[in-house]
Amino acid sequence: SVQALEGEVVAGHRIVARCLPVEFDA
């Protein structure tokens, strides 16, 4: 879902999407 919004501009802000690992520390 968030990857689909990568690079879109909303209210003058550019969306950057990042994928987090499902790991507590990482």
mmCIF file of all heavy atoms, coordinates in Angstrom:
data_MODEL
# 
_entry.id   MODEL 
# 
loop_
_atom_site.group_PDB 
_atom_site.id 
_atom_site.type_symbol 
_atom_site.label_atom_id 
_atom_site.label_alt_id 
_atom_site.label_comp_id 
_atom_site.label_asym_id 
_atom_site.label_entity_id 
_atom_site.label_seq_id 
_atom_site.pdbx_PDB_ins_code 
_atom_site.Cartn_x 
_atom_site.Cartn_y 
_atom_site.Cartn_z 
_atom_site.occupancy 
_atom_site.B_iso_or_equiv 
_atom_site.pdbx_formal_charge 
_atom_site.auth_seq_id 
_atom_site.auth_comp_id 
_atom_site.auth_asym_id 
_atom_site.auth_atom_id 
_atom_site.pdbx_PDB_model_num 
ATOM 1   N N   . SER A 1 1  ? 0.820  -1.216 0.000  1.00 0.00 ? 1  SER A N   1 
ATOM 2   C CA  . SER A 1 1  ? 0.000  0.000  0.000  1.00 0.00 ? 1  SER A CA  1 
ATOM 3   C C   . SER A 1 1  ? 0.852  1.265  0.000  1.00 0.00 ? 1  SER A C   1 
ATOM 4   O O   . SER A 1 1  ? 0.585  2.201  -0.766 1.00 0.00 ? 1  SER A O   1 
ATOM 5   C CB  . SER A 1 1  ? -0.933 -0.001 1.208  1.00 0.00 ? 1  SER A CB  1 
ATOM 6   O OG  . SER A 1 1  ? -1.779 -1.130 1.193  1.00 0.00 ? 1  SER A OG  1 
ATOM 7   N N   . VAL A 1 2  ? 1.872  1.316  0.858  1.00 0.00 ? 2  VAL A N   1 
ATOM 8   C CA  . VAL A 1 2  ? 2.679  2.537  0.913  1.00 0.00 ? 2  VAL A CA  1 
ATOM 9   C C   . VAL A 1 2  ? 3.594  2.647  -0.304 1.00 0.00 ? 2  VAL A C   1 
ATOM 10  O O   . VAL A 1 2  ? 3.865  3.746  -0.801 1.00 0.00 ? 2  VAL A O   1 
ATOM 11  C CB  . VAL A 1 2  ? 3.490  2.640  2.225  1.00 0.00 ? 2  VAL A CB  1 
ATOM 12  C CG1 . VAL A 1 2  ? 2.561  2.604  3.434  1.00 0.00 ? 2  VAL A CG1 1 
ATOM 13  C CG2 . VAL A 1 2  ? 4.545  1.565  2.344  1.00 0.00 ? 2  VAL A CG2 1 
ATOM 14  N N   . GLN A 1 3  ? 4.046  1.505  -0.816 1.00 0.00 ? 3  GLN A N   1 
ATOM 15  C CA  . GLN A 1 3  ? 4.907  1.517  -2.001 1.00 0.00 ? 3  GLN A CA  1 
ATOM 16  C C   . GLN A 1 3  ? 4.174  2.118  -3.195 1.00 0.00 ? 3  GLN A C   1 
ATOM 17  O O   . GLN A 1 3  ? 4.791  2.791  -4.040 1.00 0.00 ? 3  GLN A O   1 
ATOM 18  C CB  . GLN A 1 3  ? 5.369  0.098  -2.315 1.00 0.00 ? 3  GLN A CB  1 
ATOM 19  C CG  . GLN A 1 3  ? 6.412  -0.001 -3.425 1.00 0.00 ? 3  GLN A CG  1 
ATOM 20  C CD  . GLN A 1 3  ? 6.824  -1.431 -3.694 1.00 0.00 ? 3  GLN A CD  1 
ATOM 21  O OE1 . GLN A 1 3  ? 6.039  -2.363 -3.500 1.00 0.00 ? 3  GLN A OE1 1 
ATOM 22  N NE2 . GLN A 1 3  ? 8.054  -1.625 -4.138 1.00 0.00 ? 3  GLN A NE2 1 
ATOM 23  N N   . ALA A 1 4  ? 2.865  1.910  -3.254 1.00 0.00 ? 4  ALA A N   1 
ATOM 24  C CA  . ALA A 1 4  ? 2.067  2.443  -4.364 1.00 0.00 ? 4  ALA A CA  1 
ATOM 25  C C   . ALA A 1 4  ? 2.033  3.965  -4.358 1.00 0.00 ? 4  ALA A C   1 
ATOM 26  O O   . ALA A 1 4  ? 1.719  4.581  -5.389 1.00 0.00 ? 4  ALA A O   1 
ATOM 27  C CB  . ALA A 1 4  ? 0.650  1.886  -4.287 1.00 0.00 ? 4  ALA A CB  1 
ATOM 28  N N   . LEU A 1 5  ? 2.346  4.579  -3.227 1.00 0.00 ? 5  LEU A N   1 
ATOM 29  C CA  . LEU A 1 5  ? 2.306  6.042  -3.107 1.00 0.00 ? 5  LEU A CA  1 
ATOM 30  C C   . LEU A 1 5  ? 3.675  6.687  -3.262 1.00 0.00 ? 5  LEU A C   1 
ATOM 31  O O   . LEU A 1 5  ? 3.781  7.918  -3.202 1.00 0.00 ? 5  LEU A O   1 
ATOM 32  C CB  . LEU A 1 5  ? 1.698  6.431  -1.758 1.00 0.00 ? 5  LEU A CB  1 
ATOM 33  C CG  . LEU A 1 5  ? 0.250  5.974  -1.532 1.00 0.00 ? 5  LEU A CG  1 
ATOM 34  C CD1 . LEU A 1 5  ? -0.193 6.332  -0.121 1.00 0.00 ? 5  LEU A CD1 1 
ATOM 35  C CD2 . LEU A 1 5  ? -0.681 6.583  -2.559 1.00 0.00 ? 5  LEU A CD2 1 
ATOM 36  N N   . GLU A 1 6  ? 4.704  5.893  -3.447 1.00 0.00 ? 6  GLU A N   1 
ATOM 37  C CA  . GLU A 1 6  ? 6.068  6.415  -3.591 1.00 0.00 ? 6  GLU A CA  1 
ATOM 38  C C   . GLU A 1 6  ? 6.121  7.496  -4.672 1.00 0.00 ? 6  GLU A C   1 
ATOM 39  O O   . GLU A 1 6  ? 5.668  7.295  -5.807 1.00 0.00 ? 6  GLU A O   1 
ATOM 40  C CB  . GLU A 1 6  ? 7.021  5.277  -3.955 1.00 0.00 ? 6  GLU A CB  1 
ATOM 41  C CG  . GLU A 1 6  ? 8.413  5.713  -4.382 1.00 0.00 ? 6  GLU A CG  1 
ATOM 42  C CD  . GLU A 1 6  ? 9.277  6.219  -3.240 1.00 0.00 ? 6  GLU A CD  1 
ATOM 43  O OE1 . GLU A 1 6  ? 9.139  5.677  -2.121 1.00 0.00 ? 6  GLU A OE1 1 
ATOM 44  O OE2 . GLU A 1 6  ? 10.087 7.128  -3.474 1.00 0.00 ? 6  GLU A OE2 1 
ATOM 45  N N   . GLY A 1 7  ? 6.670  8.658  -4.302 1.00 0.00 ? 7  GLY A N   1 
ATOM 46  C CA  . GLY A 1 7  ? 6.871  9.740  -5.255 1.00 0.00 ? 7  GLY A CA  1 
ATOM 47  C C   . GLY A 1 7  ? 5.681  10.652 -5.462 1.00 0.00 ? 7  GLY A C   1 
ATOM 48  O O   . GLY A 1 7  ? 5.814  11.696 -6.118 1.00 0.00 ? 7  GLY A O   1 
ATOM 49  N N   . GLU A 1 8  ? 4.516  10.290 -4.953 1.00 0.00 ? 8  GLU A N   1 
ATOM 50  C CA  . GLU A 1 8  ? 3.351  11.164 -5.113 1.00 0.00 ? 8  GLU A CA  1 
ATOM 51  C C   . GLU A 1 8  ? 3.527  12.443 -4.287 1.00 0.00 ? 8  GLU A C   1 
ATOM 52  O O   . GLU A 1 8  ? 4.216  12.458 -3.263 1.00 0.00 ? 8  GLU A O   1 
ATOM 53  C CB  . GLU A 1 8  ? 2.072  10.445 -4.684 1.00 0.00 ? 8  GLU A CB  1 
ATOM 54  C CG  . GLU A 1 8  ? 1.645  9.342  -5.632 1.00 0.00 ? 8  GLU A CG  1 
ATOM 55  C CD  . GLU A 1 8  ? 0.180  8.977  -5.466 1.00 0.00 ? 8  GLU A CD  1 
ATOM 56  O OE1 . GLU A 1 8  ? -0.581 9.765  -4.844 1.00 0.00 ? 8  GLU A OE1 1 
ATOM 57  O OE2 . GLU A 1 8  ? -0.210 7.909  -5.953 1.00 0.00 ? 8  GLU A OE2 1 
ATOM 58  N N   . VAL A 1 9  ? 2.887  13.504 -4.740 1.00 0.00 ? 9  VAL A N   1 
ATOM 59  C CA  . VAL A 1 9  ? 2.942  14.787 -4.047 1.00 0.00 ? 9  VAL A CA  1 
ATOM 60  C C   . VAL A 1 9  ? 1.563  15.085 -3.470 1.00 0.00 ? 9  VAL A C   1 
ATOM 61  O O   . VAL A 1 9  ? 0.559  15.079 -4.187 1.00 0.00 ? 9  VAL A O   1 
ATOM 62  C CB  . VAL A 1 9  ? 3.378  15.916 -4.993 1.00 0.00 ? 9  VAL A CB  1 
ATOM 63  C CG1 . VAL A 1 9  ? 3.330  17.270 -4.273 1.00 0.00 ? 9  VAL A CG1 1 
ATOM 64  C CG2 . VAL A 1 9  ? 4.789  15.653 -5.524 1.00 0.00 ? 9  VAL A CG2 1 
ATOM 65  N N   . VAL A 1 10 ? 1.518  15.310 -2.163 1.00 0.00 ? 10 VAL A N   1 
ATOM 66  C CA  . VAL A 1 10 ? 0.285  15.629 -1.453 1.00 0.00 ? 10 VAL A CA  1 
ATOM 67  C C   . VAL A 1 10 ? 0.523  16.898 -0.646 1.00 0.00 ? 10 VAL A C   1 
ATOM 68  O O   . VAL A 1 10 ? 1.464  16.958 0.153  1.00 0.00 ? 10 VAL A O   1 
ATOM 69  C CB  . VAL A 1 10 ? -0.153 14.477 -0.527 1.00 0.00 ? 10 VAL A CB  1 
ATOM 70  C CG1 . VAL A 1 10 ? -1.404 14.866 0.257  1.00 0.00 ? 10 VAL A CG1 1 
ATOM 71  C CG2 . VAL A 1 10 ? -0.389 13.195 -1.311 1.00 0.00 ? 10 VAL A CG2 1 
ATOM 72  N N   . ALA A 1 11 ? -0.296 17.892 -0.858 1.00 0.00 ? 11 ALA A N   1 
ATOM 73  C CA  . ALA A 1 11 ? -0.204 19.163 -0.123 1.00 0.00 ? 11 ALA A CA  1 
ATOM 74  C C   . ALA A 1 11 ? 1.230  19.709 -0.111 1.00 0.00 ? 11 ALA A C   1 
ATOM 75  O O   . ALA A 1 11 ? 1.728  20.184 0.906  1.00 0.00 ? 11 ALA A O   1 
ATOM 76  C CB  . ALA A 1 11 ? -0.716 18.980 1.310  1.00 0.00 ? 11 ALA A CB  1 
ATOM 77  N N   . GLY A 1 12 ? 1.879  19.627 -1.261 1.00 0.00 ? 12 GLY A N   1 
ATOM 78  C CA  . GLY A 1 12 ? 3.219  20.191 -1.390 1.00 0.00 ? 12 GLY A CA  1 
ATOM 79  C C   . GLY A 1 12 ? 4.326  19.362 -0.776 1.00 0.00 ? 12 GLY A C   1 
ATOM 80  O O   . GLY A 1 12 ? 5.462  19.844 -0.657 1.00 0.00 ? 12 GLY A O   1 
ATOM 81  N N   . HIS A 1 13 ? 4.046  18.118 -0.423 1.00 0.00 ? 13 HIS A N   1 
ATOM 82  C CA  . HIS A 1 13 ? 5.033  17.217 0.183  1.00 0.00 ? 13 HIS A CA  1 
ATOM 83  C C   . HIS A 1 13 ? 5.160  15.965 -0.680 1.00 0.00 ? 13 HIS A C   1 
ATOM 84  O O   . HIS A 1 13 ? 4.151  15.426 -1.145 1.00 0.00 ? 13 HIS A O   1 
ATOM 85  C CB  . HIS A 1 13 ? 4.614  16.809 1.590  1.00 0.00 ? 13 HIS A CB  1 
ATOM 86  C CG  . HIS A 1 13 ? 4.654  17.930 2.588  1.00 0.00 ? 13 HIS A CG  1 
ATOM 87  N ND1 . HIS A 1 13 ? 3.814  19.026 2.522  1.00 0.00 ? 13 HIS A ND1 1 
ATOM 88  C CD2 . HIS A 1 13 ? 5.447  18.116 3.687  1.00 0.00 ? 13 HIS A CD2 1 
ATOM 89  C CE1 . HIS A 1 13 ? 4.074  19.834 3.542  1.00 0.00 ? 13 HIS A CE1 1 
ATOM 90  N NE2 . HIS A 1 13 ? 5.048  19.306 4.253  1.00 0.00 ? 13 HIS A NE2 1 
ATOM 91  N N   . ARG A 1 14 ? 6.386  15.517 -0.851 1.00 0.00 ? 14 ARG A N   1 
ATOM 92  C CA  . ARG A 1 14 ? 6.620  14.303 -1.630 1.00 0.00 ? 14 ARG A CA  1 
ATOM 93  C C   . ARG A 1 14 ? 6.674  13.083 -0.709 1.00 0.00 ? 14 ARG A C   1 
ATOM 94  O O   . ARG A 1 14 ? 7.370  13.085 0.313  1.00 0.00 ? 14 ARG A O   1 
ATOM 95  C CB  . ARG A 1 14 ? 7.928  14.402 -2.414 1.00 0.00 ? 14 ARG A CB  1 
ATOM 96  C CG  . ARG A 1 14 ? 8.132  13.227 -3.391 1.00 0.00 ? 14 ARG A CG  1 
ATOM 97  C CD  . ARG A 1 14 ? 9.377  13.417 -4.242 1.00 0.00 ? 14 ARG A CD  1 
ATOM 98  N NE  . ARG A 1 14 ? 9.328  14.633 -5.019 1.00 0.00 ? 14 ARG A NE  1 
ATOM 99  C CZ  . ARG A 1 14 ? 8.651  14.789 -6.156 1.00 0.00 ? 14 ARG A CZ  1 
ATOM 100 N NH1 . ARG A 1 14 ? 7.946  13.772 -6.640 1.00 0.00 ? 14 ARG A NH1 1 
ATOM 101 N NH2 . ARG A 1 14 ? 8.665  15.936 -6.798 1.00 0.00 ? 14 ARG A NH2 1 
ATOM 102 N N   . ILE A 1 15 ? 5.927  12.052 -1.073 1.00 0.00 ? 15 ILE A N   1 
ATOM 103 C CA  . ILE A 1 15 ? 5.880  10.822 -0.277 1.00 0.00 ? 15 ILE A CA  1 
ATOM 104 C C   . ILE A 1 15 ? 7.079  9.945  -0.595 1.00 0.00 ? 15 ILE A C   1 
ATOM 105 O O   . ILE A 1 15 ? 7.396  9.698  -1.764 1.00 0.00 ? 15 ILE A O   1 
ATOM 106 C CB  . ILE A 1 15 ? 4.578  10.052 -0.537 1.00 0.00 ? 15 ILE A CB  1 
ATOM 107 C CG1 . ILE A 1 15 ? 3.373  10.851 -0.019 1.00 0.00 ? 15 ILE A CG1 1 
ATOM 108 C CG2 . ILE A 1 15 ? 4.612  8.669  0.110  1.00 0.00 ? 15 ILE A CG2 1 
ATOM 109 C CD1 . ILE A 1 15 ? 2.025  10.226 -0.324 1.00 0.00 ? 15 ILE A CD1 1 
ATOM 110 N N   . VAL A 1 16 ? 7.734  9.484  0.449  1.00 0.00 ? 16 VAL A N   1 
ATOM 111 C CA  . VAL A 1 16 ? 8.816  8.512  0.338  1.00 0.00 ? 16 VAL A CA  1 
ATOM 112 C C   . VAL A 1 16 ? 8.392  7.271  1.112  1.00 0.00 ? 16 VAL A C   1 
ATOM 113 O O   . VAL A 1 16 ? 8.002  7.368  2.287  1.00 0.00 ? 16 VAL A O   1 
ATOM 114 C CB  . VAL A 1 16 ? 10.136 9.052  0.902  1.00 0.00 ? 16 VAL A CB  1 
ATOM 115 C CG1 . VAL A 1 16 ? 11.226 7.988  0.819  1.00 0.00 ? 16 VAL A CG1 1 
ATOM 116 C CG2 . VAL A 1 16 ? 10.573 10.306 0.147  1.00 0.00 ? 16 VAL A CG2 1 
ATOM 117 N N   . ALA A 1 17 ? 8.423  6.114  0.470  1.00 0.00 ? 17 ALA A N   1 
ATOM 118 C CA  . ALA A 1 17 ? 8.008  4.858  1.100  1.00 0.00 ? 17 ALA A CA  1 
ATOM 119 C C   . ALA A 1 17 ? 9.227  4.017  1.442  1.00 0.00 ? 17 ALA A C   1 
ATOM 120 O O   . ALA A 1 17 ? 10.145 3.894  0.635  1.00 0.00 ? 17 ALA A O   1 
ATOM 121 C CB  . ALA A 1 17 ? 7.084  4.079  0.169  1.00 0.00 ? 17 ALA A CB  1 
ATOM 122 N N   . ARG A 1 18 ? 9.219  3.437  2.622  1.00 0.00 ? 18 ARG A N   1 
ATOM 123 C CA  . ARG A 1 18 ? 10.299 2.557  3.047  1.00 0.00 ? 18 ARG A CA  1 
ATOM 124 C C   . ARG A 1 18 ? 9.718  1.287  3.663  1.00 0.00 ? 18 ARG A C   1 
ATOM 125 O O   . ARG A 1 18 ? 8.701  1.347  4.367  1.00 0.00 ? 18 ARG A O   1 
ATOM 126 C CB  . ARG A 1 18 ? 11.206 3.253  4.081  1.00 0.00 ? 18 ARG A CB  1 
ATOM 127 C CG  . ARG A 1 18 ? 11.970 4.441  3.513  1.00 0.00 ? 18 ARG A CG  1 
ATOM 128 C CD  . ARG A 1 18 ? 13.045 3.994  2.529  1.00 0.00 ? 18 ARG A CD  1 
ATOM 129 N NE  . ARG A 1 18 ? 13.613 5.104  1.782  1.00 0.00 ? 18 ARG A NE  1 
ATOM 130 C CZ  . ARG A 1 18 ? 14.605 5.868  2.208  1.00 0.00 ? 18 ARG A CZ  1 
ATOM 131 N NH1 . ARG A 1 18 ? 15.117 5.659  3.399  1.00 0.00 ? 18 ARG A NH1 1 
ATOM 132 N NH2 . ARG A 1 18 ? 15.061 6.848  1.460  1.00 0.00 ? 18 ARG A NH2 1 
ATOM 133 N N   . CYS A 1 19 ? 10.383 0.166  3.414  1.00 0.00 ? 19 CYS A N   1 
ATOM 134 C CA  . CYS A 1 19 ? 9.963  -1.116 3.969  1.00 0.00 ? 19 CYS A CA  1 
ATOM 135 C C   . CYS A 1 19 ? 10.827 -1.452 5.176  1.00 0.00 ? 19 CYS A C   1 
ATOM 136 O O   . CYS A 1 19 ? 12.064 -1.467 5.079  1.00 0.00 ? 19 CYS A O   1 
ATOM 137 C CB  . CYS A 1 19 ? 10.084 -2.213 2.914  1.00 0.00 ? 19 CYS A CB  1 
ATOM 138 S SG  . CYS A 1 19 ? 9.438  -3.822 3.446  1.00 0.00 ? 19 CYS A SG  1 
ATOM 139 N N   . LEU A 1 20 ? 10.183 -1.698 6.300  1.00 0.00 ? 20 LEU A N   1 
ATOM 140 C CA  . LEU A 1 20 ? 10.897 -2.052 7.521  1.00 0.00 ? 20 LEU A CA  1 
ATOM 141 C C   . LEU A 1 20 ? 10.897 -3.568 7.708  1.00 0.00 ? 20 LEU A C   1 
ATOM 142 O O   . LEU A 1 20 ? 9.898  -4.232 7.428  1.00 0.00 ? 20 LEU A O   1 
ATOM 143 C CB  . LEU A 1 20 ? 10.237 -1.402 8.743  1.00 0.00 ? 20 LEU A CB  1 
ATOM 144 C CG  . LEU A 1 20 ? 10.081 0.113  8.731  1.00 0.00 ? 20 LEU A CG  1 
ATOM 145 C CD1 . LEU A 1 20 ? 9.412  0.574  10.028 1.00 0.00 ? 20 LEU A CD1 1 
ATOM 146 C CD2 . LEU A 1 20 ? 11.415 0.809  8.537  1.00 0.00 ? 20 LEU A CD2 1 
ATOM 147 N N   . PRO A 1 21 ? 11.996 -4.123 8.199  1.00 0.00 ? 21 PRO A N   1 
ATOM 148 C CA  . PRO A 1 21 ? 12.005 -5.554 8.521  1.00 0.00 ? 21 PRO A CA  1 
ATOM 149 C C   . PRO A 1 21 ? 11.156 -5.830 9.756  1.00 0.00 ? 21 PRO A C   1 
ATOM 150 O O   . PRO A 1 21 ? 11.044 -4.981 10.643 1.00 0.00 ? 21 PRO A O   1 
ATOM 151 C CB  . PRO A 1 21 ? 13.485 -5.848 8.780  1.00 0.00 ? 21 PRO A CB  1 
ATOM 152 C CG  . PRO A 1 21 ? 14.058 -4.542 9.222  1.00 0.00 ? 21 PRO A CG  1 
ATOM 153 C CD  . PRO A 1 21 ? 13.296 -3.476 8.483  1.00 0.00 ? 21 PRO A CD  1 
ATOM 154 N N   . VAL A 1 22 ? 10.558 -6.999 9.803  1.00 0.00 ? 22 VAL A N   1 
ATOM 155 C CA  . VAL A 1 22 ? 9.785  -7.390 10.989 1.00 0.00 ? 22 VAL A CA  1 
ATOM 156 C C   . VAL A 1 22 ? 10.754 -8.019 11.987 1.00 0.00 ? 22 VAL A C   1 
ATOM 157 O O   . VAL A 1 22 ? 10.745 -9.220 12.247 1.00 0.00 ? 22 VAL A O   1 
ATOM 158 C CB  . VAL A 1 22 ? 8.628  -8.337 10.620 1.00 0.00 ? 22 VAL A CB  1 
ATOM 159 C CG1 . VAL A 1 22 ? 7.783  -8.677 11.853 1.00 0.00 ? 22 VAL A CG1 1 
ATOM 160 C CG2 . VAL A 1 22 ? 7.738  -7.700 9.561  1.00 0.00 ? 22 VAL A CG2 1 
ATOM 161 N N   . GLU A 1 23 ? 11.623 -7.172 12.488 1.00 0.00 ? 23 GLU A N   1 
ATOM 162 C CA  . GLU A 1 23 ? 12.645 -7.554 13.460 1.00 0.00 ? 23 GLU A CA  1 
ATOM 163 C C   . GLU A 1 23 ? 12.768 -6.410 14.456 1.00 0.00 ? 23 GLU A C   1 
ATOM 164 O O   . GLU A 1 23 ? 12.867 -5.246 14.051 1.00 0.00 ? 23 GLU A O   1 
ATOM 165 C CB  . GLU A 1 23 ? 13.991 -7.792 12.775 1.00 0.00 ? 23 GLU A CB  1 
ATOM 166 C CG  . GLU A 1 23 ? 13.962 -8.875 11.712 1.00 0.00 ? 23 GLU A CG  1 
ATOM 167 C CD  . GLU A 1 23 ? 15.295 -9.001 10.978 1.00 0.00 ? 23 GLU A CD  1 
ATOM 168 O OE1 . GLU A 1 23 ? 16.323 -8.541 11.530 1.00 0.00 ? 23 GLU A OE1 1 
ATOM 169 O OE2 . GLU A 1 23 ? 15.301 -9.541 9.862  1.00 0.00 ? 23 GLU A OE2 1 
ATOM 170 N N   . PHE A 1 24 ? 12.764 -6.739 15.718 1.00 0.00 ? 24 PHE A N   1 
ATOM 171 C CA  . PHE A 1 24 ? 12.757 -5.702 16.748 1.00 0.00 ? 24 PHE A CA  1 
ATOM 172 C C   . PHE A 1 24 ? 13.935 -4.743 16.602 1.00 0.00 ? 24 PHE A C   1 
ATOM 173 O O   . PHE A 1 24 ? 13.749 -3.524 16.549 1.00 0.00 ? 24 PHE A O   1 
ATOM 174 C CB  . PHE A 1 24 ? 12.735 -6.336 18.143 1.00 0.00 ? 24 PHE A CB  1 
ATOM 175 C CG  . PHE A 1 24 ? 11.414 -6.955 18.486 1.00 0.00 ? 24 PHE A CG  1 
ATOM 176 C CD1 . PHE A 1 24 ? 11.234 -8.325 18.403 1.00 0.00 ? 24 PHE A CD1 1 
ATOM 177 C CD2 . PHE A 1 24 ? 10.343 -6.169 18.864 1.00 0.00 ? 24 PHE A CD2 1 
ATOM 178 C CE1 . PHE A 1 24 ? 10.007 -8.899 18.700 1.00 0.00 ? 24 PHE A CE1 1 
ATOM 179 C CE2 . PHE A 1 24 ? 9.109  -6.725 19.162 1.00 0.00 ? 24 PHE A CE2 1 
ATOM 180 C CZ  . PHE A 1 24 ? 8.942  -8.101 19.080 1.00 0.00 ? 24 PHE A CZ  1 
ATOM 181 N N   . ASP A 1 25 ? 15.134 -5.246 16.509 1.00 0.00 ? 25 ASP A N   1 
ATOM 182 C CA  . ASP A 1 25 ? 16.304 -4.372 16.435 1.00 0.00 ? 25 ASP A CA  1 
ATOM 183 C C   . ASP A 1 25 ? 16.435 -3.715 15.072 1.00 0.00 ? 25 ASP A C   1 
ATOM 184 O O   . ASP A 1 25 ? 16.596 -2.498 14.955 1.00 0.00 ? 25 ASP A O   1 
ATOM 185 C CB  . ASP A 1 25 ? 17.578 -5.164 16.757 1.00 0.00 ? 25 ASP A CB  1 
ATOM 186 C CG  . ASP A 1 25 ? 17.654 -5.588 18.210 1.00 0.00 ? 25 ASP A CG  1 
ATOM 187 O OD1 . ASP A 1 25 ? 16.975 -4.955 19.055 1.00 0.00 ? 25 ASP A OD1 1 
ATOM 188 O OD2 . ASP A 1 25 ? 18.371 -6.561 18.517 1.00 0.00 ? 25 ASP A OD2 1 
ATOM 189 N N   . ALA A 1 26 ? 16.360 -4.504 14.017 1.00 0.00 ? 26 ALA A N   1 
ATOM 190 C CA  . ALA A 1 26 ? 16.605 -3.980 12.670 1.00 0.00 ? 26 ALA A CA  1 
ATOM 191 C C   . ALA A 1 26 ? 15.545 -2.977 12.240 1.00 0.00 ? 26 ALA A C   1 
ATOM 192 O O   . ALA A 1 26 ? 15.847 -2.044 11.485 1.00 0.00 ? 26 ALA A O   1 
ATOM 193 C CB  . ALA A 1 26 ? 16.684 -5.136 11.673 1.00 0.00 ? 26 ALA A CB  1 
# 
